Amino acid sequence: MEVIREWLDHGNSILTLPGWRDSGPQHWQTRWESKFPGIRRVQQHDWEKPVAADWVGVLQQAVENASGHVILVAHSLGCIAQHHWAIVHGSSARRIAGALLVAPADPVREGLSGHIQGFLPLSVRSLPYRSIVVASDDDPVCQPDRSAFLANRWGSPLVMLNGEGHINADSGLGDWDFGLRHLRRLIRSHYERETD
């Protein structure tokens, strides 16, 4: 059976965490939600003016309402929000089976600070669950060295792609099979740990 459908059919959850301004209809997160109807989006109250405390609170509610083990699939500022959440809600973070963190935004990037609030400073603590960071060497939102810095800080292996931009709808990825392979990898890793 398709491992993602099996994960969902067995009462587990996958939550997508879009970044600033949400993910549009051609974004791979939206396409995954259509392809696998059990995947749920964490719906923030304000996509235009993100406030870290608000985004963290909404994510906490989504995790509390989710069934079974939870995998987070974050993009851009959603990656930063999940790290803040993991630090603030450590006990709830135990329910997370893994996190796929794609094209993390750099919260210190010039031009972004006027639109977001409370996402700095970044904690030095690593994530308490398995995670993978996927970034691109030409991402206009986060330079490769900053992606590597964030991955290292979170304790996440880094997969650096060539020429995929911000890994969003503008990148023309369709269903983004490469990302789905890493999502399956996280699920299989969780099953393997459970059987050890």
N, C-alpha and C. Protein backbone atom coordinates (compact mmCIF):
# COMPACT_ATOMS: atom_id res chain seq x y z
N MET A 1 0.86 -1.20 0.00
CA MET A 1 0.00 0.00 0.00
C MET A 1 0.89 1.25 0.00
N GLU A 2 0.44 2.30 -0.66
CA GLU A 2 1.15 3.58 -0.63
C GLU A 2 1.37 3.99 0.82
N VAL A 3 2.63 4.23 1.17
CA VAL A 3 2.99 4.42 2.59
C VAL A 3 2.33 5.67 3.18
N ILE A 4 2.11 6.71 2.38
CA ILE A 4 1.47 7.92 2.91
C ILE A 4 0.00 7.65 3.22
N ARG A 5 -0.69 6.96 2.31
CA ARG A 5 -2.10 6.62 2.58
C ARG A 5 -2.22 5.66 3.75
N GLU A 6 -1.28 4.73 3.83
CA GLU A 6 -1.29 3.80 4.96
C GLU A 6 -1.13 4.55 6.28
N TRP A 7 -0.21 5.52 6.29
CA TRP A 7 0.01 6.34 7.49
C TRP A 7 -1.29 7.01 7.93
N LEU A 8 -1.97 7.62 6.99
CA LEU A 8 -3.21 8.33 7.30
C LEU A 8 -4.34 7.36 7.65
N ASP A 9 -4.43 6.24 6.92
CA ASP A 9 -5.50 5.26 7.17
C ASP A 9 -5.36 4.62 8.55
N HIS A 10 -4.16 4.59 9.08
CA HIS A 10 -3.94 4.01 10.41
C HIS A 10 -4.13 5.00 11.54
N GLY A 11 -4.77 6.15 11.22
CA GLY A 11 -5.13 7.11 12.26
C GLY A 11 -4.07 8.10 12.62
N ASN A 12 -3.04 8.23 11.79
CA ASN A 12 -2.00 9.23 12.02
C ASN A 12 -2.29 10.49 11.20
N SER A 13 -1.49 11.51 11.40
CA SER A 13 -1.76 12.81 10.79
C SER A 13 -0.54 13.37 10.07
N ILE A 14 -0.82 14.17 9.05
CA ILE A 14 0.18 14.99 8.37
C ILE A 14 -0.37 16.40 8.32
N LEU A 15 0.39 17.35 8.86
CA LEU A 15 -0.03 18.75 8.88
C LEU A 15 0.91 19.56 8.02
N THR A 16 0.35 20.37 7.09
CA THR A 16 1.17 21.29 6.31
C THR A 16 1.16 22.66 6.98
N LEU A 17 2.35 23.28 6.98
CA LEU A 17 2.53 24.60 7.58
C LEU A 17 3.07 25.53 6.50
N PRO A 18 2.20 26.25 5.80
CA PRO A 18 2.70 27.21 4.80
C PRO A 18 3.44 28.37 5.45
N GLY A 19 4.09 29.14 4.62
CA GLY A 19 4.80 30.31 5.09
C GLY A 19 3.99 31.58 4.92
N TRP A 20 4.68 32.69 4.94
CA TRP A 20 4.07 34.01 4.78
C TRP A 20 3.22 34.05 3.52
N ARG A 21 2.00 34.53 3.65
CA ARG A 21 1.03 34.68 2.57
C ARG A 21 0.43 33.36 2.07
N ASP A 22 0.62 32.28 2.83
CA ASP A 22 -0.03 31.01 2.55
C ASP A 22 0.54 30.36 1.28
N SER A 23 0.05 29.20 0.94
CA SER A 23 0.45 28.48 -0.27
C SER A 23 -0.73 28.44 -1.23
N GLY A 24 -0.52 28.89 -2.46
CA GLY A 24 -1.59 28.99 -3.45
C GLY A 24 -1.95 27.65 -4.08
N PRO A 25 -2.88 27.67 -5.04
CA PRO A 25 -3.40 26.43 -5.62
C PRO A 25 -2.38 25.57 -6.36
N GLN A 26 -1.31 26.17 -6.89
CA GLN A 26 -0.30 25.39 -7.61
C GLN A 26 0.91 25.04 -6.75
N HIS A 27 0.90 25.44 -5.49
CA HIS A 27 1.99 25.09 -4.58
C HIS A 27 1.93 23.60 -4.29
N TRP A 28 3.08 22.97 -4.15
CA TRP A 28 3.10 21.53 -3.90
C TRP A 28 2.38 21.16 -2.60
N GLN A 29 2.38 22.03 -1.58
CA GLN A 29 1.64 21.71 -0.36
C GLN A 29 0.15 21.54 -0.66
N THR A 30 -0.40 22.47 -1.44
CA THR A 30 -1.81 22.41 -1.81
C THR A 30 -2.09 21.17 -2.65
N ARG A 31 -1.19 20.87 -3.57
CA ARG A 31 -1.36 19.69 -4.42
C ARG A 31 -1.28 18.40 -3.61
N TRP A 32 -0.42 18.36 -2.59
CA TRP A 32 -0.37 17.18 -1.73
C TRP A 32 -1.68 17.01 -0.97
N GLU A 33 -2.24 18.12 -0.51
CA GLU A 33 -3.51 18.04 0.22
C GLU A 33 -4.62 17.49 -0.67
N SER A 34 -4.57 17.81 -1.96
CA SER A 34 -5.57 17.28 -2.90
C SER A 34 -5.30 15.81 -3.22
N LYS A 35 -4.04 15.47 -3.33
CA LYS A 35 -3.65 14.10 -3.68
C LYS A 35 -3.93 13.13 -2.53
N PHE A 36 -3.72 13.61 -1.30
CA PHE A 36 -3.93 12.80 -0.10
C PHE A 36 -4.89 13.57 0.82
N PRO A 37 -6.21 13.35 0.67
CA PRO A 37 -7.20 14.18 1.39
C PRO A 37 -7.04 14.19 2.90
N GLY A 38 -6.34 13.24 3.48
CA GLY A 38 -6.15 13.25 4.93
C GLY A 38 -5.13 14.25 5.41
N ILE A 39 -4.35 14.84 4.50
CA ILE A 39 -3.37 15.85 4.90
C ILE A 39 -4.13 17.14 5.20
N ARG A 40 -3.82 17.75 6.34
CA ARG A 40 -4.54 18.96 6.79
C ARG A 40 -3.61 20.16 6.88
N ARG A 41 -4.10 21.30 6.46
CA ARG A 41 -3.34 22.55 6.54
C ARG A 41 -3.57 23.23 7.89
N VAL A 42 -2.50 23.74 8.46
CA VAL A 42 -2.61 24.58 9.66
C VAL A 42 -2.99 25.97 9.17
N GLN A 43 -4.23 26.37 9.44
CA GLN A 43 -4.78 27.63 8.92
C GLN A 43 -4.53 28.77 9.90
N GLN A 44 -3.57 29.62 9.54
CA GLN A 44 -3.28 30.76 10.39
C GLN A 44 -4.35 31.84 10.22
N HIS A 45 -4.55 32.64 11.27
CA HIS A 45 -5.56 33.69 11.22
C HIS A 45 -5.13 34.87 10.36
N ASP A 46 -3.84 35.12 10.30
CA ASP A 46 -3.34 36.26 9.52
C ASP A 46 -2.10 35.82 8.75
N TRP A 47 -2.28 35.62 7.44
CA TRP A 47 -1.17 35.20 6.59
C TRP A 47 -0.31 36.39 6.16
N GLU A 48 -0.84 37.58 6.23
CA GLU A 48 -0.14 38.76 5.72
C GLU A 48 0.82 39.38 6.73
N LYS A 49 0.44 39.34 8.01
CA LYS A 49 1.27 39.94 9.07
C LYS A 49 1.50 38.91 10.17
N PRO A 50 2.38 37.95 9.91
CA PRO A 50 2.58 36.87 10.88
C PRO A 50 3.16 37.36 12.20
N VAL A 51 2.57 36.87 13.28
CA VAL A 51 3.07 37.10 14.63
C VAL A 51 3.41 35.73 15.20
N ALA A 52 4.64 35.56 15.63
CA ALA A 52 5.11 34.23 16.04
C ALA A 52 4.22 33.60 17.10
N ALA A 53 3.86 34.35 18.13
CA ALA A 53 3.04 33.78 19.21
C ALA A 53 1.70 33.27 18.68
N ASP A 54 1.11 34.01 17.74
CA ASP A 54 -0.17 33.57 17.15
C ASP A 54 0.01 32.30 16.33
N TRP A 55 1.05 32.28 15.50
CA TRP A 55 1.29 31.11 14.65
C TRP A 55 1.59 29.88 15.51
N VAL A 56 2.36 30.06 16.56
CA VAL A 56 2.68 28.96 17.46
C VAL A 56 1.42 28.45 18.15
N GLY A 57 0.56 29.36 18.59
CA GLY A 57 -0.69 28.96 19.24
C GLY A 57 -1.60 28.18 18.32
N VAL A 58 -1.71 28.61 17.08
CA VAL A 58 -2.55 27.90 16.11
C VAL A 58 -1.98 26.51 15.82
N LEU A 59 -0.66 26.42 15.70
CA LEU A 59 -0.04 25.11 15.48
C LEU A 59 -0.27 24.19 16.68
N GLN A 60 -0.17 24.72 17.87
CA GLN A 60 -0.41 23.91 19.06
C GLN A 60 -1.83 23.35 19.05
N GLN A 61 -2.80 24.18 18.69
CA GLN A 61 -4.19 23.71 18.62
C GLN A 61 -4.34 22.62 17.56
N ALA A 62 -3.67 22.80 16.42
CA ALA A 62 -3.75 21.82 15.35
C ALA A 62 -3.15 20.48 15.78
N VAL A 63 -2.04 20.52 16.49
CA VAL A 63 -1.42 19.28 16.96
C VAL A 63 -2.31 18.62 18.00
N GLU A 64 -2.88 19.40 18.89
CA GLU A 64 -3.78 18.83 19.90
C GLU A 64 -4.98 18.15 19.25
N ASN A 65 -5.48 18.71 18.16
CA ASN A 65 -6.66 18.16 17.49
C ASN A 65 -6.33 17.03 16.52
N ALA A 66 -5.05 16.86 16.20
CA ALA A 66 -4.64 15.83 15.25
C ALA A 66 -4.69 14.46 15.90
N SER A 67 -4.89 13.44 15.09
CA SER A 67 -4.94 12.08 15.61
C SER A 67 -3.60 11.38 15.45
N GLY A 68 -3.34 10.44 16.35
CA GLY A 68 -2.17 9.59 16.24
C GLY A 68 -0.86 10.33 16.27
N HIS A 69 0.13 9.76 15.60
CA HIS A 69 1.42 10.42 15.44
C HIS A 69 1.30 11.47 14.34
N VAL A 70 2.11 12.52 14.44
CA VAL A 70 1.98 13.66 13.54
C VAL A 70 3.29 13.90 12.80
N ILE A 71 3.18 14.11 11.49
CA ILE A 71 4.32 14.58 10.71
C ILE A 71 4.00 16.00 10.24
N LEU A 72 4.97 16.89 10.43
CA LEU A 72 4.84 18.28 10.00
C LEU A 72 5.53 18.46 8.65
N VAL A 73 4.86 19.16 7.75
CA VAL A 73 5.43 19.48 6.43
C VAL A 73 5.39 20.99 6.29
N ALA A 74 6.53 21.63 6.58
CA ALA A 74 6.56 23.09 6.65
C ALA A 74 7.30 23.68 5.45
N HIS A 75 6.88 24.88 5.07
CA HIS A 75 7.55 25.63 4.00
C HIS A 75 7.84 27.04 4.48
N SER A 76 9.03 27.54 4.17
CA SER A 76 9.41 28.93 4.37
C SER A 76 9.26 29.35 5.84
N LEU A 77 8.46 30.37 6.12
CA LEU A 77 8.30 30.84 7.49
C LEU A 77 7.64 29.77 8.38
N GLY A 78 6.92 28.85 7.78
CA GLY A 78 6.36 27.74 8.53
C GLY A 78 7.43 26.91 9.22
N CYS A 79 8.61 26.82 8.59
CA CYS A 79 9.74 26.10 9.21
C CYS A 79 10.19 26.79 10.49
N ILE A 80 10.27 28.11 10.43
CA ILE A 80 10.69 28.87 11.61
C ILE A 80 9.63 28.77 12.71
N ALA A 81 8.36 28.84 12.31
CA ALA A 81 7.27 28.75 13.29
C ALA A 81 7.29 27.41 14.01
N GLN A 82 7.56 26.31 13.27
CA GLN A 82 7.55 25.00 13.94
C GLN A 82 8.69 24.89 14.94
N HIS A 83 9.82 25.55 14.68
CA HIS A 83 10.91 25.49 15.65
C HIS A 83 10.53 26.25 16.93
N HIS A 84 9.93 27.41 16.78
CA HIS A 84 9.45 28.14 17.96
C HIS A 84 8.45 27.28 18.73
N TRP A 85 7.54 26.64 18.00
CA TRP A 85 6.53 25.80 18.64
C TRP A 85 7.18 24.66 19.42
N ALA A 86 8.17 24.00 18.81
CA ALA A 86 8.82 22.86 19.46
C ALA A 86 9.50 23.27 20.76
N ILE A 87 10.02 24.49 20.80
CA ILE A 87 10.68 24.97 22.02
C ILE A 87 9.64 25.30 23.09
N VAL A 88 8.55 25.93 22.69
CA VAL A 88 7.52 26.38 23.65
C VAL A 88 6.68 25.21 24.15
N HIS A 89 6.38 24.27 23.26
CA HIS A 89 5.45 23.17 23.59
C HIS A 89 6.18 21.83 23.53
N GLY A 90 7.23 21.70 24.34
CA GLY A 90 8.05 20.49 24.32
C GLY A 90 7.27 19.21 24.58
N SER A 91 6.30 19.25 25.48
CA SER A 91 5.55 18.03 25.78
C SER A 91 4.71 17.59 24.59
N SER A 92 4.09 18.53 23.88
CA SER A 92 3.32 18.19 22.69
C SER A 92 4.22 17.72 21.56
N ALA A 93 5.46 18.22 21.54
CA ALA A 93 6.40 17.85 20.49
C ALA A 93 6.72 16.36 20.50
N ARG A 94 6.44 15.69 21.62
CA ARG A 94 6.68 14.24 21.68
C ARG A 94 5.77 13.48 20.72
N ARG A 95 4.69 14.10 20.29
CA ARG A 95 3.78 13.43 19.36
C ARG A 95 4.25 13.51 17.92
N ILE A 96 5.28 14.30 17.67
CA ILE A 96 5.74 14.50 16.30
C ILE A 96 6.66 13.35 15.88
N ALA A 97 6.28 12.68 14.80
CA ALA A 97 7.07 11.56 14.28
C ALA A 97 8.18 12.05 13.37
N GLY A 98 8.04 13.25 12.84
CA GLY A 98 9.07 13.79 11.96
C GLY A 98 8.60 15.09 11.34
N ALA A 99 9.55 15.80 10.73
CA ALA A 99 9.22 17.07 10.09
C ALA A 99 10.03 17.21 8.81
N LEU A 100 9.33 17.54 7.73
CA LEU A 100 9.96 17.88 6.46
C LEU A 100 9.94 19.39 6.36
N LEU A 101 11.13 20.00 6.38
CA LEU A 101 11.26 21.45 6.47
C LEU A 101 11.86 21.96 5.16
N VAL A 102 11.04 22.64 4.38
CA VAL A 102 11.41 22.98 3.00
C VAL A 102 11.60 24.49 2.83
N ALA A 103 12.75 24.84 2.25
CA ALA A 103 13.06 26.25 1.94
C ALA A 103 12.81 27.16 3.13
N PRO A 104 13.49 26.91 4.25
CA PRO A 104 13.24 27.76 5.43
C PRO A 104 13.52 29.22 5.13
N ALA A 105 12.65 30.08 5.62
CA ALA A 105 12.88 31.52 5.47
C ALA A 105 13.97 31.96 6.43
N ASP A 106 14.68 33.00 6.05
CA ASP A 106 15.68 33.59 6.93
C ASP A 106 15.04 34.79 7.62
N PRO A 107 14.70 34.68 8.91
CA PRO A 107 13.98 35.78 9.57
C PRO A 107 14.79 37.06 9.73
N VAL A 108 16.10 36.99 9.48
CA VAL A 108 16.89 38.22 9.56
C VAL A 108 17.10 38.86 8.18
N ARG A 109 16.49 38.28 7.15
CA ARG A 109 16.68 38.80 5.80
C ARG A 109 16.10 40.20 5.67
N GLU A 110 16.86 41.07 5.02
CA GLU A 110 16.42 42.43 4.78
C GLU A 110 15.12 42.41 3.97
N GLY A 111 14.16 43.20 4.39
CA GLY A 111 12.89 43.26 3.68
C GLY A 111 11.81 42.39 4.29
N LEU A 112 12.19 41.42 5.11
CA LEU A 112 11.20 40.55 5.73
C LEU A 112 10.82 41.03 7.12
N SER A 113 11.77 41.63 7.83
CA SER A 113 11.55 41.98 9.23
C SER A 113 10.37 42.93 9.44
N GLY A 114 10.04 43.76 8.47
CA GLY A 114 8.92 44.67 8.62
C GLY A 114 7.57 44.00 8.50
N HIS A 115 7.55 42.75 8.04
CA HIS A 115 6.29 42.05 7.82
C HIS A 115 5.99 40.98 8.86
N ILE A 116 6.99 40.59 9.63
CA ILE A 116 6.80 39.52 10.62
C ILE A 116 7.20 40.04 12.00
N GLN A 117 6.60 39.44 13.03
CA GLN A 117 6.88 39.87 14.40
C GLN A 117 7.14 38.67 15.29
N GLY A 118 8.17 38.77 16.12
CA GLY A 118 8.38 37.79 17.17
C GLY A 118 9.12 36.52 16.78
N PHE A 119 9.62 36.44 15.55
CA PHE A 119 10.30 35.23 15.12
C PHE A 119 11.80 35.24 15.47
N LEU A 120 12.26 36.32 16.05
CA LEU A 120 13.63 36.43 16.53
C LEU A 120 13.59 36.74 18.03
N PRO A 121 14.59 36.31 18.79
CA PRO A 121 15.76 35.56 18.34
C PRO A 121 15.45 34.09 18.12
N LEU A 122 16.32 33.41 17.38
CA LEU A 122 16.19 31.98 17.16
C LEU A 122 16.83 31.24 18.33
N SER A 123 16.17 30.20 18.79
CA SER A 123 16.72 29.40 19.87
C SER A 123 17.92 28.59 19.37
N VAL A 124 18.82 28.26 20.28
CA VAL A 124 19.97 27.44 19.92
C VAL A 124 19.67 25.95 20.10
N ARG A 125 18.49 25.62 20.57
CA ARG A 125 18.15 24.22 20.83
C ARG A 125 17.78 23.48 19.56
N SER A 126 18.19 22.22 19.49
CA SER A 126 17.84 21.40 18.33
C SER A 126 16.41 20.90 18.47
N LEU A 127 15.87 20.42 17.37
CA LEU A 127 14.51 19.90 17.39
C LEU A 127 14.47 18.57 18.14
N PRO A 128 13.39 18.32 18.87
CA PRO A 128 13.30 17.07 19.64
C PRO A 128 12.73 15.91 18.84
N TYR A 129 12.64 16.05 17.53
CA TYR A 129 12.13 14.98 16.66
C TYR A 129 12.94 14.95 15.38
N ARG A 130 12.86 13.85 14.67
CA ARG A 130 13.59 13.68 13.42
C ARG A 130 13.09 14.69 12.39
N SER A 131 14.02 15.25 11.64
CA SER A 131 13.64 16.24 10.62
C SER A 131 14.62 16.21 9.46
N ILE A 132 14.16 16.72 8.34
CA ILE A 132 14.98 16.86 7.13
C ILE A 132 14.75 18.27 6.61
N VAL A 133 15.82 18.97 6.30
CA VAL A 133 15.71 20.28 5.66
C VAL A 133 16.06 20.13 4.18
N VAL A 134 15.17 20.63 3.32
CA VAL A 134 15.43 20.67 1.88
C VAL A 134 15.48 22.14 1.47
N ALA A 135 16.58 22.55 0.87
CA ALA A 135 16.77 23.94 0.46
C ALA A 135 17.29 23.98 -0.96
N SER A 136 17.39 25.18 -1.51
CA SER A 136 17.91 25.36 -2.87
C SER A 136 19.03 26.38 -2.85
N ASP A 137 20.01 26.15 -3.72
CA ASP A 137 21.19 27.02 -3.73
C ASP A 137 20.94 28.40 -4.33
N ASP A 138 19.74 28.61 -4.89
CA ASP A 138 19.42 29.94 -5.44
C ASP A 138 18.14 30.51 -4.85
N ASP A 139 17.81 30.09 -3.63
CA ASP A 139 16.60 30.57 -2.96
C ASP A 139 16.76 32.06 -2.63
N PRO A 140 15.89 32.93 -3.16
CA PRO A 140 16.00 34.35 -2.87
C PRO A 140 15.62 34.72 -1.44
N VAL A 141 14.99 33.79 -0.73
CA VAL A 141 14.52 34.04 0.63
C VAL A 141 15.53 33.60 1.68
N CYS A 142 16.46 32.74 1.30
CA CYS A 142 17.44 32.23 2.26
C CYS A 142 18.68 31.77 1.51
N GLN A 143 19.80 32.39 1.79
CA GLN A 143 21.06 32.01 1.16
C GLN A 143 21.49 30.61 1.61
N PRO A 144 22.25 29.89 0.76
CA PRO A 144 22.64 28.52 1.11
C PRO A 144 23.34 28.39 2.46
N ASP A 145 24.20 29.37 2.80
CA ASP A 145 24.89 29.28 4.09
C ASP A 145 23.92 29.43 5.25
N ARG A 146 22.87 30.23 5.06
CA ARG A 146 21.87 30.39 6.12
C ARG A 146 21.00 29.14 6.24
N SER A 147 20.68 28.51 5.11
CA SER A 147 19.94 27.24 5.16
C SER A 147 20.75 26.20 5.92
N ALA A 148 22.05 26.15 5.63
CA ALA A 148 22.92 25.20 6.31
C ALA A 148 23.00 25.52 7.81
N PHE A 149 23.05 26.81 8.14
CA PHE A 149 23.08 27.23 9.54
C PHE A 149 21.83 26.77 10.27
N LEU A 150 20.66 26.97 9.65
CA LEU A 150 19.41 26.57 10.30
C LEU A 150 19.33 25.06 10.45
N ALA A 151 19.70 24.33 9.41
CA ALA A 151 19.67 22.87 9.48
C ALA A 151 20.58 22.37 10.60
N ASN A 152 21.76 22.95 10.69
CA ASN A 152 22.70 22.55 11.73
C ASN A 152 22.15 22.87 13.13
N ARG A 153 21.55 24.04 13.27
CA ARG A 153 20.98 24.44 14.56
C ARG A 153 19.84 23.50 14.97
N TRP A 154 19.04 23.08 13.99
CA TRP A 154 17.91 22.21 14.29
C TRP A 154 18.30 20.74 14.44
N GLY A 155 19.55 20.39 14.07
CA GLY A 155 19.97 18.99 14.11
C GLY A 155 19.40 18.18 12.96
N SER A 156 19.21 18.84 11.82
CA SER A 156 18.56 18.22 10.67
C SER A 156 19.57 17.98 9.55
N PRO A 157 19.54 16.81 8.91
CA PRO A 157 20.33 16.66 7.70
C PRO A 157 19.83 17.63 6.63
N LEU A 158 20.74 18.15 5.82
CA LEU A 158 20.39 19.14 4.80
C LEU A 158 20.51 18.52 3.41
N VAL A 159 19.46 18.68 2.62
CA VAL A 159 19.48 18.30 1.22
C VAL A 159 19.45 19.59 0.41
N MET A 160 20.53 19.90 -0.31
CA MET A 160 20.62 21.14 -1.07
C MET A 160 20.36 20.86 -2.55
N LEU A 161 19.32 21.46 -3.08
CA LEU A 161 18.96 21.31 -4.49
C LEU A 161 19.62 22.41 -5.32
N ASN A 162 19.70 22.16 -6.59
CA ASN A 162 20.30 23.13 -7.52
C ASN A 162 19.21 23.82 -8.34
N GLY A 163 19.15 25.14 -8.21
CA GLY A 163 18.30 25.93 -9.10
C GLY A 163 16.81 25.77 -8.96
N GLU A 164 16.33 25.49 -7.75
CA GLU A 164 14.88 25.32 -7.53
C GLU A 164 14.23 26.53 -6.86
N GLY A 165 14.97 27.63 -6.73
CA GLY A 165 14.38 28.85 -6.17
C GLY A 165 13.87 28.65 -4.76
N HIS A 166 12.69 29.17 -4.50
CA HIS A 166 12.10 29.07 -3.16
C HIS A 166 11.29 27.79 -2.98
N ILE A 167 11.42 26.86 -3.90
CA ILE A 167 10.75 25.56 -3.84
C ILE A 167 9.25 25.77 -3.60
N ASN A 168 8.66 26.59 -4.44
CA ASN A 168 7.24 26.93 -4.31
C ASN A 168 6.57 26.81 -5.68
N ALA A 169 5.40 27.41 -5.84
CA ALA A 169 4.68 27.31 -7.12
C ALA A 169 5.50 27.89 -8.27
N ASP A 170 6.25 28.95 -8.01
CA ASP A 170 7.07 29.55 -9.06
C ASP A 170 8.18 28.63 -9.55
N SER A 171 8.50 27.61 -8.77
CA SER A 171 9.54 26.66 -9.16
C SER A 171 9.03 25.63 -10.16
N GLY A 172 7.70 25.60 -10.40
CA GLY A 172 7.13 24.68 -11.39
C GLY A 172 7.32 23.22 -11.05
N LEU A 173 7.11 22.85 -9.80
CA LEU A 173 7.41 21.50 -9.33
C LEU A 173 6.26 20.52 -9.47
N GLY A 174 5.05 21.01 -9.78
CA GLY A 174 3.90 20.11 -9.83
C GLY A 174 3.66 19.47 -8.48
N ASP A 175 3.51 18.15 -8.47
CA ASP A 175 3.29 17.43 -7.20
C ASP A 175 4.58 17.25 -6.40
N TRP A 176 5.70 17.64 -6.95
CA TRP A 176 7.01 17.58 -6.32
C TRP A 176 7.29 16.19 -5.75
N ASP A 177 7.53 15.26 -6.65
CA ASP A 177 7.79 13.87 -6.27
C ASP A 177 9.02 13.73 -5.38
N PHE A 178 10.01 14.60 -5.58
CA PHE A 178 11.22 14.55 -4.74
C PHE A 178 10.85 14.76 -3.27
N GLY A 179 9.99 15.72 -3.01
CA GLY A 179 9.55 15.97 -1.64
C GLY A 179 8.74 14.82 -1.08
N LEU A 180 7.89 14.22 -1.92
CA LEU A 180 7.09 13.08 -1.48
C LEU A 180 7.98 11.91 -1.08
N ARG A 181 9.09 11.74 -1.80
CA ARG A 181 10.02 10.66 -1.44
C ARG A 181 10.59 10.88 -0.04
N HIS A 182 10.88 12.13 0.30
CA HIS A 182 11.40 12.41 1.64
C HIS A 182 10.32 12.29 2.70
N LEU A 183 9.08 12.61 2.35
CA LEU A 183 7.97 12.39 3.29
C LEU A 183 7.83 10.90 3.58
N ARG A 184 7.89 10.09 2.54
CA ARG A 184 7.82 8.63 2.75
C ARG A 184 9.00 8.15 3.59
N ARG A 185 10.16 8.73 3.38
CA ARG A 185 11.35 8.37 4.15
C ARG A 185 11.12 8.62 5.64
N LEU A 186 10.52 9.76 5.98
CA LEU A 186 10.23 10.06 7.38
C LEU A 186 9.25 9.05 7.98
N ILE A 187 8.23 8.69 7.20
CA ILE A 187 7.25 7.72 7.69
C ILE A 187 7.91 6.36 7.93
N ARG A 188 8.68 5.91 6.96
CA ARG A 188 9.35 4.60 7.10
C ARG A 188 10.31 4.61 8.28
N SER A 189 11.00 5.73 8.47
CA SER A 189 11.92 5.82 9.60
C SER A 189 11.19 5.68 10.93
N HIS A 190 10.01 6.27 11.01
CA HIS A 190 9.22 6.16 12.24
C HIS A 190 8.81 4.71 12.48
N TYR A 191 8.34 4.02 11.43
CA TYR A 191 7.95 2.62 11.58
C TYR A 191 9.14 1.77 12.01
N GLU A 192 10.32 2.06 11.44
CA GLU A 192 11.51 1.28 11.80
C GLU A 192 11.89 1.49 13.26
N ARG A 193 11.77 2.72 13.75
CA ARG A 193 12.08 2.98 15.15
C ARG A 193 11.10 2.27 16.08
N GLU A 194 9.83 2.20 15.66
CA GLU A 194 8.83 1.54 16.49
C GLU A 194 9.06 0.03 16.61
N THR A 195 9.66 -0.56 15.57
CA THR A 195 9.88 -2.00 15.60
C THR A 195 11.21 -2.40 16.23
N ASP A 196 12.07 -1.42 16.51
CA ASP A 196 13.37 -1.74 17.13
C ASP A 196 13.20 -2.19 18.58
